[in-house]
N, C-alpha and C. Protein backbone atom coordinates (compact mmCIF):
# COMPACT_ATOMS: atom_id res chain seq x y z
N MET A 1 19.66 -20.19 -27.19
CA MET A 1 20.23 -19.51 -28.29
C MET A 1 19.24 -19.52 -29.45
N ILE A 2 19.11 -18.41 -30.06
CA ILE A 2 18.15 -18.27 -31.15
C ILE A 2 18.92 -18.34 -32.46
N CYS A 3 18.45 -19.18 -33.28
CA CYS A 3 19.04 -19.29 -34.63
C CYS A 3 18.27 -18.40 -35.58
N GLN A 4 19.03 -17.61 -36.30
CA GLN A 4 18.38 -16.75 -37.29
C GLN A 4 18.64 -17.33 -38.66
N ARG A 5 17.65 -17.40 -39.42
CA ARG A 5 17.78 -17.94 -40.76
C ARG A 5 17.83 -16.81 -41.77
N PHE A 6 18.74 -16.93 -42.70
CA PHE A 6 18.85 -15.97 -43.80
C PHE A 6 18.08 -16.49 -44.99
N PRO A 7 17.45 -15.62 -45.73
CA PRO A 7 16.71 -16.10 -46.89
C PRO A 7 17.66 -16.71 -47.91
N LEU A 8 17.19 -17.69 -48.57
CA LEU A 8 18.02 -18.36 -49.56
C LEU A 8 18.17 -17.55 -50.85
N TYR A 9 17.20 -16.76 -51.15
CA TYR A 9 17.25 -15.97 -52.39
C TYR A 9 17.41 -14.50 -52.05
N GLN A 10 18.50 -13.88 -52.54
CA GLN A 10 18.70 -12.44 -52.36
C GLN A 10 18.36 -11.74 -53.67
N ARG A 11 17.87 -10.56 -53.56
CA ARG A 11 17.42 -9.86 -54.76
C ARG A 11 18.49 -8.92 -55.31
N GLY A 12 19.54 -8.58 -54.63
CA GLY A 12 20.64 -7.74 -55.12
C GLY A 12 20.32 -6.26 -55.15
N ALA A 13 19.45 -5.80 -54.28
CA ALA A 13 19.08 -4.38 -54.25
C ALA A 13 20.28 -3.51 -53.91
N ALA A 14 21.13 -3.96 -53.02
CA ALA A 14 22.31 -3.18 -52.65
C ALA A 14 23.24 -2.99 -53.84
N LEU A 15 23.38 -4.00 -54.67
CA LEU A 15 24.22 -3.90 -55.85
C LEU A 15 23.66 -2.90 -56.85
N ILE A 16 22.37 -2.92 -57.07
CA ILE A 16 21.74 -1.98 -58.01
C ILE A 16 21.85 -0.55 -57.50
N VAL A 17 21.59 -0.34 -56.22
CA VAL A 17 21.71 1.00 -55.63
C VAL A 17 23.16 1.48 -55.72
N GLY A 18 24.11 0.62 -55.45
CA GLY A 18 25.53 0.99 -55.54
C GLY A 18 25.93 1.36 -56.95
N LEU A 19 25.46 0.61 -57.94
CA LEU A 19 25.78 0.94 -59.34
C LEU A 19 25.14 2.25 -59.78
N LEU A 20 23.92 2.50 -59.32
CA LEU A 20 23.27 3.77 -59.65
C LEU A 20 24.03 4.95 -59.03
N MET A 21 24.48 4.78 -57.80
CA MET A 21 25.28 5.84 -57.16
C MET A 21 26.58 6.07 -57.91
N LEU A 22 27.21 5.03 -58.38
CA LEU A 22 28.45 5.14 -59.14
C LEU A 22 28.23 5.88 -60.45
N VAL A 23 27.12 5.60 -61.12
CA VAL A 23 26.79 6.31 -62.37
C VAL A 23 26.57 7.79 -62.10
N VAL A 24 25.82 8.12 -61.05
CA VAL A 24 25.56 9.53 -60.71
C VAL A 24 26.87 10.24 -60.39
N MET A 25 27.73 9.61 -59.62
CA MET A 25 29.01 10.24 -59.28
C MET A 25 29.89 10.41 -60.52
N THR A 26 29.85 9.47 -61.46
CA THR A 26 30.62 9.59 -62.70
C THR A 26 30.11 10.77 -63.53
N LEU A 27 28.80 10.93 -63.62
CA LEU A 27 28.23 12.06 -64.37
C LEU A 27 28.61 13.40 -63.74
N ILE A 28 28.59 13.46 -62.42
CA ILE A 28 28.99 14.69 -61.73
C ILE A 28 30.47 14.97 -61.99
N GLY A 29 31.31 13.96 -61.97
CA GLY A 29 32.74 14.14 -62.23
C GLY A 29 33.02 14.61 -63.65
N VAL A 30 32.33 14.01 -64.62
CA VAL A 30 32.52 14.42 -66.03
C VAL A 30 32.04 15.85 -66.23
N SER A 31 30.93 16.21 -65.63
CA SER A 31 30.41 17.57 -65.74
C SER A 31 31.39 18.58 -65.12
N ALA A 32 31.96 18.23 -63.98
CA ALA A 32 32.94 19.11 -63.33
C ALA A 32 34.19 19.27 -64.19
N MET A 33 34.62 18.21 -64.85
CA MET A 33 35.79 18.29 -65.73
C MET A 33 35.51 19.19 -66.93
N GLN A 34 34.32 19.06 -67.51
CA GLN A 34 33.99 19.91 -68.66
C GLN A 34 33.93 21.37 -68.25
N THR A 35 33.36 21.66 -67.11
CA THR A 35 33.32 23.02 -66.61
C THR A 35 34.72 23.55 -66.36
N ASP A 36 35.57 22.74 -65.79
CA ASP A 36 36.95 23.13 -65.52
C ASP A 36 37.71 23.41 -66.81
N LEU A 37 37.51 22.58 -67.82
CA LEU A 37 38.18 22.80 -69.11
C LEU A 37 37.69 24.08 -69.76
N LEU A 38 36.41 24.36 -69.68
CA LEU A 38 35.87 25.59 -70.24
C LEU A 38 36.44 26.81 -69.53
N GLU A 39 36.52 26.76 -68.21
CA GLU A 39 37.08 27.87 -67.46
C GLU A 39 38.55 28.06 -67.77
N GLU A 40 39.27 26.98 -67.99
CA GLU A 40 40.68 27.09 -68.35
C GLU A 40 40.85 27.74 -69.72
N LYS A 41 40.00 27.38 -70.66
CA LYS A 41 40.05 28.01 -71.99
C LYS A 41 39.73 29.49 -71.91
N MET A 42 38.72 29.83 -71.09
CA MET A 42 38.35 31.23 -70.93
C MET A 42 39.50 32.03 -70.31
N ALA A 43 40.17 31.46 -69.33
CA ALA A 43 41.29 32.15 -68.70
C ALA A 43 42.44 32.32 -69.69
N GLY A 44 42.70 31.31 -70.51
CA GLY A 44 43.75 31.42 -71.52
C GLY A 44 43.42 32.48 -72.56
N ASN A 45 42.16 32.54 -72.99
CA ASN A 45 41.75 33.55 -73.95
C ASN A 45 41.85 34.96 -73.35
N GLN A 46 41.48 35.10 -72.09
CA GLN A 46 41.60 36.40 -71.44
C GLN A 46 43.05 36.81 -71.31
N ARG A 47 43.93 35.86 -71.02
CA ARG A 47 45.36 36.16 -70.95
C ARG A 47 45.87 36.62 -72.30
N ASP A 48 45.46 35.94 -73.39
CA ASP A 48 45.86 36.36 -74.73
C ASP A 48 45.37 37.76 -75.04
N LEU A 49 44.13 38.05 -74.68
CA LEU A 49 43.58 39.39 -74.93
C LEU A 49 44.33 40.45 -74.13
N ASP A 50 44.62 40.16 -72.87
CA ASP A 50 45.39 41.11 -72.05
C ASP A 50 46.78 41.34 -72.63
N LEU A 51 47.42 40.27 -73.09
CA LEU A 51 48.75 40.39 -73.69
C LEU A 51 48.69 41.22 -74.96
N ALA A 52 47.65 41.01 -75.78
CA ALA A 52 47.49 41.79 -77.01
C ALA A 52 47.27 43.26 -76.68
N PHE A 53 46.44 43.55 -75.67
CA PHE A 53 46.20 44.94 -75.29
C PHE A 53 47.48 45.60 -74.78
N GLN A 54 48.24 44.89 -73.94
CA GLN A 54 49.48 45.46 -73.42
C GLN A 54 50.49 45.70 -74.53
N ALA A 55 50.55 44.80 -75.51
CA ALA A 55 51.46 44.99 -76.64
C ALA A 55 51.05 46.21 -77.45
N ALA A 56 49.75 46.36 -77.71
CA ALA A 56 49.26 47.51 -78.47
C ALA A 56 49.50 48.81 -77.69
N GLU A 57 49.25 48.78 -76.41
CA GLU A 57 49.45 49.97 -75.58
C GLU A 57 50.93 50.38 -75.55
N SER A 58 51.83 49.42 -75.44
CA SER A 58 53.26 49.73 -75.44
C SER A 58 53.69 50.33 -76.77
N THR A 59 53.16 49.80 -77.86
CA THR A 59 53.49 50.31 -79.18
C THR A 59 52.93 51.72 -79.37
N LEU A 60 51.74 51.97 -78.84
CA LEU A 60 51.15 53.31 -78.89
C LEU A 60 52.03 54.30 -78.14
N ARG A 61 52.48 53.93 -76.95
CA ARG A 61 53.36 54.81 -76.18
C ARG A 61 54.69 55.02 -76.90
N ASP A 62 55.18 54.00 -77.59
CA ASP A 62 56.40 54.15 -78.38
C ASP A 62 56.20 55.19 -79.47
N GLY A 63 55.04 55.19 -80.12
CA GLY A 63 54.75 56.20 -81.14
C GLY A 63 54.68 57.60 -80.55
N GLU A 64 54.07 57.72 -79.38
CA GLU A 64 54.03 59.03 -78.71
C GLU A 64 55.42 59.50 -78.34
N ASN A 65 56.25 58.59 -77.83
CA ASN A 65 57.62 58.96 -77.48
C ASN A 65 58.42 59.36 -78.72
N TRP A 66 58.19 58.66 -79.83
CA TRP A 66 58.88 59.01 -81.08
C TRP A 66 58.50 60.42 -81.51
N LEU A 67 57.21 60.76 -81.43
CA LEU A 67 56.78 62.12 -81.80
C LEU A 67 57.34 63.15 -80.82
N ARG A 68 57.36 62.82 -79.54
CA ARG A 68 57.88 63.75 -78.54
C ARG A 68 59.34 64.07 -78.78
N ASP A 69 60.11 63.07 -79.25
CA ASP A 69 61.55 63.27 -79.45
C ASP A 69 61.88 63.98 -80.76
N GLN A 70 60.90 64.19 -81.63
CA GLN A 70 61.17 64.88 -82.90
C GLN A 70 61.40 66.36 -82.64
N THR A 71 62.48 66.89 -83.18
CA THR A 71 62.75 68.32 -83.01
C THR A 71 62.20 69.12 -84.17
N ASP A 72 62.11 68.51 -85.34
CA ASP A 72 61.51 69.16 -86.50
C ASP A 72 60.18 68.50 -86.80
N GLU A 73 59.27 69.28 -87.35
CA GLU A 73 57.95 68.76 -87.65
C GLU A 73 58.02 67.67 -88.72
N PRO A 74 57.58 66.45 -88.41
CA PRO A 74 57.53 65.42 -89.44
C PRO A 74 56.34 65.68 -90.36
N VAL A 75 56.64 66.10 -91.59
CA VAL A 75 55.58 66.46 -92.52
C VAL A 75 54.95 65.18 -93.06
N PRO A 76 53.65 65.02 -92.89
CA PRO A 76 52.99 63.81 -93.38
C PRO A 76 52.99 63.73 -94.90
N ASP A 77 53.18 62.53 -95.42
CA ASP A 77 53.02 62.31 -96.86
C ASP A 77 52.34 60.96 -97.08
N ALA A 78 51.90 60.72 -98.29
CA ALA A 78 51.11 59.53 -98.58
C ALA A 78 51.92 58.25 -98.44
N ASN A 79 53.25 58.31 -98.57
CA ASN A 79 54.09 57.12 -98.47
C ASN A 79 54.78 56.99 -97.13
N ALA A 80 54.59 57.95 -96.25
CA ALA A 80 55.18 57.96 -94.91
C ALA A 80 56.70 57.78 -94.98
N THR A 81 57.35 58.54 -95.85
CA THR A 81 58.81 58.43 -95.96
C THR A 81 59.51 58.84 -94.68
N ASN A 82 58.87 59.70 -93.88
CA ASN A 82 59.46 60.10 -92.60
C ASN A 82 58.75 59.47 -91.41
N GLY A 83 57.90 58.48 -91.66
CA GLY A 83 57.22 57.78 -90.58
C GLY A 83 55.81 58.25 -90.31
N VAL A 84 55.33 59.29 -91.02
CA VAL A 84 54.00 59.83 -90.76
C VAL A 84 53.22 59.89 -92.07
N PHE A 85 52.08 59.22 -92.09
CA PHE A 85 51.19 59.25 -93.25
C PHE A 85 50.33 60.50 -93.21
N THR A 86 49.85 60.94 -94.38
CA THR A 86 48.82 61.97 -94.39
C THR A 86 47.53 61.33 -93.87
N PHE A 87 46.68 62.16 -93.30
CA PHE A 87 45.45 61.65 -92.66
C PHE A 87 44.60 60.92 -93.68
N ASP A 88 44.21 59.71 -93.37
CA ASP A 88 43.39 58.85 -94.22
C ASP A 88 44.01 58.55 -95.58
N ALA A 89 45.33 58.62 -95.68
CA ALA A 89 45.99 58.25 -96.94
C ALA A 89 45.88 56.75 -97.19
N LEU A 90 45.77 55.98 -96.14
CA LEU A 90 45.67 54.53 -96.28
C LEU A 90 44.29 54.10 -96.74
N ASP A 91 43.27 54.89 -96.38
CA ASP A 91 41.90 54.53 -96.75
C ASP A 91 41.03 55.77 -96.58
N ALA A 92 40.31 56.11 -97.61
CA ALA A 92 39.48 57.31 -97.55
C ALA A 92 38.38 57.21 -96.50
N ASN A 93 37.95 56.00 -96.18
CA ASN A 93 36.89 55.82 -95.19
C ASN A 93 37.40 55.92 -93.76
N GLY A 94 38.71 55.87 -93.58
CA GLY A 94 39.28 55.97 -92.24
C GLY A 94 39.21 54.69 -91.44
N SER A 95 38.88 53.58 -92.05
CA SER A 95 38.79 52.32 -91.31
C SER A 95 39.78 51.29 -91.86
N TRP A 96 40.93 51.76 -92.27
CA TRP A 96 41.95 50.88 -92.86
C TRP A 96 42.45 49.84 -91.88
N TRP A 97 42.38 50.12 -90.59
CA TRP A 97 42.94 49.21 -89.59
C TRP A 97 42.13 47.92 -89.44
N GLU A 98 40.94 47.87 -90.04
CA GLU A 98 40.13 46.66 -89.96
C GLU A 98 40.67 45.53 -90.84
N THR A 99 41.50 45.85 -91.82
CA THR A 99 42.06 44.86 -92.73
C THR A 99 43.49 44.54 -92.30
N ILE A 100 43.76 43.27 -92.02
CA ILE A 100 45.07 42.87 -91.50
C ILE A 100 46.17 43.13 -92.52
N GLY A 101 45.90 42.95 -93.80
CA GLY A 101 46.91 43.17 -94.83
C GLY A 101 47.43 44.60 -94.84
N ASN A 102 46.59 45.57 -94.48
CA ASN A 102 47.05 46.96 -94.43
C ASN A 102 48.12 47.14 -93.36
N TRP A 103 47.98 46.43 -92.26
CA TRP A 103 48.98 46.53 -91.19
C TRP A 103 50.32 46.00 -91.66
N ASP A 104 50.31 44.89 -92.35
CA ASP A 104 51.57 44.29 -92.80
C ASP A 104 52.31 45.19 -93.77
N SER A 105 51.58 45.94 -94.60
CA SER A 105 52.24 46.78 -95.59
C SER A 105 52.57 48.18 -95.08
N SER A 106 51.87 48.66 -94.05
CA SER A 106 52.03 50.06 -93.63
C SER A 106 52.54 50.25 -92.22
N GLY A 107 52.43 49.24 -91.38
CA GLY A 107 52.77 49.40 -89.97
C GLY A 107 54.26 49.38 -89.69
N THR A 108 54.65 50.09 -88.66
CA THR A 108 56.02 50.08 -88.16
C THR A 108 56.08 49.13 -86.98
N ALA A 109 56.99 48.16 -87.04
CA ALA A 109 57.05 47.14 -86.00
C ALA A 109 57.74 47.66 -84.75
N PHE A 110 57.27 47.18 -83.62
CA PHE A 110 57.86 47.47 -82.31
C PHE A 110 58.25 46.12 -81.72
N ASN A 111 59.54 45.84 -81.62
CA ASN A 111 60.02 44.49 -81.32
C ASN A 111 60.42 44.26 -79.87
N ASP A 112 60.12 45.18 -78.97
CA ASP A 112 60.55 45.02 -77.58
C ASP A 112 59.56 44.27 -76.71
N ILE A 113 58.64 43.52 -77.30
CA ILE A 113 57.63 42.78 -76.55
C ILE A 113 57.92 41.30 -76.67
N SER A 114 57.99 40.60 -75.56
CA SER A 114 58.19 39.15 -75.61
C SER A 114 56.88 38.45 -75.26
N GLY A 115 56.73 37.24 -75.74
CA GLY A 115 55.56 36.44 -75.43
C GLY A 115 54.40 36.62 -76.39
N VAL A 116 54.55 37.50 -77.38
CA VAL A 116 53.48 37.69 -78.36
C VAL A 116 53.81 36.90 -79.62
N ASN A 117 52.79 36.54 -80.36
CA ASN A 117 52.98 35.72 -81.55
C ASN A 117 53.64 36.49 -82.68
N SER A 118 53.28 37.76 -82.85
CA SER A 118 53.90 38.59 -83.88
C SER A 118 54.12 39.98 -83.32
N ALA A 119 55.09 40.67 -83.88
CA ALA A 119 55.47 42.00 -83.36
C ALA A 119 54.30 42.97 -83.51
N PRO A 120 54.04 43.78 -82.49
CA PRO A 120 52.99 44.79 -82.60
C PRO A 120 53.39 45.87 -83.61
N LEU A 121 52.40 46.48 -84.23
CA LEU A 121 52.63 47.47 -85.27
C LEU A 121 51.94 48.77 -84.92
N ARG A 122 52.48 49.88 -85.43
CA ARG A 122 51.85 51.17 -85.23
C ARG A 122 51.89 51.98 -86.52
N VAL A 123 50.93 52.86 -86.66
CA VAL A 123 50.85 53.78 -87.78
C VAL A 123 50.57 55.16 -87.22
N ILE A 124 51.31 56.15 -87.71
CA ILE A 124 51.11 57.53 -87.30
C ILE A 124 50.62 58.31 -88.51
N GLU A 125 49.54 59.08 -88.30
CA GLU A 125 48.99 59.91 -89.36
C GLU A 125 48.95 61.36 -88.89
N GLY A 126 49.28 62.27 -89.77
CA GLY A 126 49.12 63.69 -89.48
C GLY A 126 47.64 64.04 -89.59
N ALA A 127 47.06 64.52 -88.51
CA ALA A 127 45.61 64.75 -88.49
C ALA A 127 45.25 66.23 -88.58
N GLY A 128 46.21 67.10 -88.85
CA GLY A 128 45.91 68.52 -88.97
C GLY A 128 46.50 69.32 -87.81
N PHE A 129 45.91 70.49 -87.58
CA PHE A 129 46.41 71.34 -86.50
C PHE A 129 45.24 72.06 -85.86
N ILE A 130 45.53 72.60 -84.70
CA ILE A 130 44.53 73.39 -83.98
C ILE A 130 45.27 74.54 -83.30
N THR A 131 44.72 75.75 -83.43
CA THR A 131 45.33 76.89 -82.74
C THR A 131 44.71 77.01 -81.36
N ASP A 132 45.41 77.68 -80.48
CA ASP A 132 44.91 77.83 -79.12
C ASP A 132 43.60 78.59 -79.09
N GLY A 133 43.47 79.60 -79.95
CA GLY A 133 42.26 80.42 -79.95
C GLY A 133 41.09 79.75 -80.64
N SER A 134 41.33 78.67 -81.38
CA SER A 134 40.23 78.07 -82.12
C SER A 134 39.27 77.31 -81.21
N LEU A 135 39.65 77.10 -79.97
CA LEU A 135 38.75 76.42 -79.05
C LEU A 135 37.65 77.36 -78.56
N THR A 136 37.92 78.68 -78.60
CA THR A 136 36.94 79.67 -78.21
C THR A 136 36.68 80.56 -79.41
N ILE A 137 35.43 80.71 -79.78
CA ILE A 137 35.09 81.48 -80.97
C ILE A 137 35.47 82.94 -80.78
N GLY A 138 36.11 83.49 -81.81
CA GLY A 138 36.45 84.91 -81.81
C GLY A 138 37.78 85.24 -81.18
N GLN A 139 38.52 84.27 -80.71
CA GLN A 139 39.82 84.55 -80.11
C GLN A 139 40.90 83.85 -80.91
N ASN A 140 42.00 84.54 -81.09
CA ASN A 140 43.16 83.96 -81.73
C ASN A 140 44.39 84.52 -81.04
N THR A 141 45.15 83.68 -80.41
CA THR A 141 46.31 84.14 -79.65
C THR A 141 47.52 84.39 -80.53
N GLY A 142 47.50 83.91 -81.76
CA GLY A 142 48.63 84.12 -82.66
C GLY A 142 49.80 83.19 -82.38
N GLN A 143 49.63 82.24 -81.49
CA GLN A 143 50.71 81.31 -81.19
C GLN A 143 50.83 80.26 -82.28
N THR A 144 51.96 79.57 -82.25
CA THR A 144 52.18 78.47 -83.17
C THR A 144 51.13 77.40 -82.91
N PRO A 145 50.50 76.88 -83.96
CA PRO A 145 49.46 75.88 -83.73
C PRO A 145 50.04 74.56 -83.21
N ARG A 146 49.19 73.84 -82.54
CA ARG A 146 49.55 72.49 -82.12
C ARG A 146 49.19 71.54 -83.26
N LEU A 147 50.14 70.73 -83.65
CA LEU A 147 49.90 69.75 -84.70
C LEU A 147 49.31 68.49 -84.08
N LEU A 148 48.34 67.92 -84.73
CA LEU A 148 47.67 66.73 -84.23
C LEU A 148 48.08 65.52 -85.05
N TYR A 149 48.35 64.44 -84.34
CA TYR A 149 48.73 63.17 -84.98
C TYR A 149 47.83 62.08 -84.42
N ARG A 150 47.31 61.25 -85.31
CA ARG A 150 46.54 60.09 -84.88
C ARG A 150 47.47 58.89 -84.89
N ILE A 151 47.64 58.27 -83.74
CA ILE A 151 48.49 57.09 -83.61
C ILE A 151 47.58 55.89 -83.38
N THR A 152 47.74 54.88 -84.22
CA THR A 152 46.96 53.65 -84.11
C THR A 152 47.93 52.50 -83.94
N ALA A 153 47.69 51.64 -82.97
CA ALA A 153 48.58 50.51 -82.70
C ALA A 153 47.77 49.23 -82.65
N ARG A 154 48.39 48.16 -83.16
CA ARG A 154 47.76 46.84 -83.18
C ARG A 154 48.70 45.85 -82.52
N GLY A 155 48.19 45.10 -81.55
CA GLY A 155 49.00 44.09 -80.88
C GLY A 155 48.29 42.74 -80.94
N THR A 156 49.09 41.69 -80.90
CA THR A 156 48.53 40.34 -80.84
C THR A 156 48.98 39.70 -79.53
N GLY A 157 48.26 38.66 -79.16
CA GLY A 157 48.60 37.93 -77.94
C GLY A 157 49.47 36.74 -78.26
N GLY A 158 49.27 35.67 -77.51
CA GLY A 158 50.02 34.44 -77.75
C GLY A 158 49.67 33.79 -79.07
N THR A 159 48.51 34.16 -79.63
CA THR A 159 48.10 33.72 -80.96
C THR A 159 47.67 34.93 -81.76
N ASP A 160 47.67 34.81 -83.08
CA ASP A 160 47.25 35.94 -83.91
C ASP A 160 45.74 36.16 -83.88
N SER A 161 44.98 35.22 -83.35
CA SER A 161 43.53 35.40 -83.27
C SER A 161 43.15 36.36 -82.14
N ALA A 162 44.04 36.59 -81.19
CA ALA A 162 43.79 37.57 -80.13
C ALA A 162 44.43 38.88 -80.56
N ARG A 163 43.59 39.87 -80.91
CA ARG A 163 44.08 41.15 -81.40
C ARG A 163 43.47 42.28 -80.60
N ALA A 164 44.26 43.32 -80.42
CA ALA A 164 43.76 44.54 -79.78
C ALA A 164 44.26 45.73 -80.58
N ILE A 165 43.39 46.69 -80.82
CA ILE A 165 43.74 47.91 -81.54
C ILE A 165 43.40 49.08 -80.63
N VAL A 166 44.37 49.95 -80.42
CA VAL A 166 44.16 51.16 -79.63
C VAL A 166 44.56 52.35 -80.47
N GLN A 167 43.96 53.49 -80.14
CA GLN A 167 44.19 54.69 -80.94
C GLN A 167 44.17 55.91 -80.05
N THR A 168 44.98 56.90 -80.38
CA THR A 168 45.00 58.14 -79.62
C THR A 168 45.30 59.31 -80.56
N ILE A 169 44.97 60.47 -80.10
CA ILE A 169 45.34 61.70 -80.80
C ILE A 169 46.41 62.37 -79.94
N TYR A 170 47.54 62.68 -80.57
CA TYR A 170 48.67 63.28 -79.87
C TYR A 170 48.89 64.67 -80.44
N ALA A 171 49.01 65.67 -79.58
CA ALA A 171 49.23 67.04 -80.02
C ALA A 171 50.62 67.49 -79.62
N LYS A 172 51.29 68.19 -80.55
CA LYS A 172 52.63 68.70 -80.26
C LYS A 172 52.82 70.04 -80.95
N ARG A 173 53.48 70.92 -80.26
CA ARG A 173 53.83 72.22 -80.80
C ARG A 173 55.32 72.20 -81.12
N PHE A 174 55.68 72.47 -82.36
CA PHE A 174 57.10 72.49 -82.77
C PHE A 174 57.63 73.88 -82.74
């Protein structure tokens, strides 16, 4: 029988290698958690943006439906007493929608949206008219002109920091 002798002094290399592996695995785990948290925030922000866009789009369609249901021409005025502002009455530069305070004072709320932080708002402006013949030079059919309305809608998501603004031109012949 052969007796094997073990050295009396061990250097602990296995312990050092094990601790180094544990540190590396901890760093990988922390990095994965940070990446996961960032992706979760990005997904939440995208959800808020999608919700804001859907709220604005619904409000825009509500404005189009309101105009479609009008039997008499809503004459635009500067105070929008009938729901329609004169074109650029809110701001001569035409960029009034960039200021949030303008929405609060001039917008019409659309309250049929759930899950948003604040009710989406819309503004309708009379943008003029166009005759059928005006699209081709030298022709005029003599028909009633189509009235043009600019509808602008603003929606928010789950927070007010997620905002979407959509705009369309709607034409109607009365």
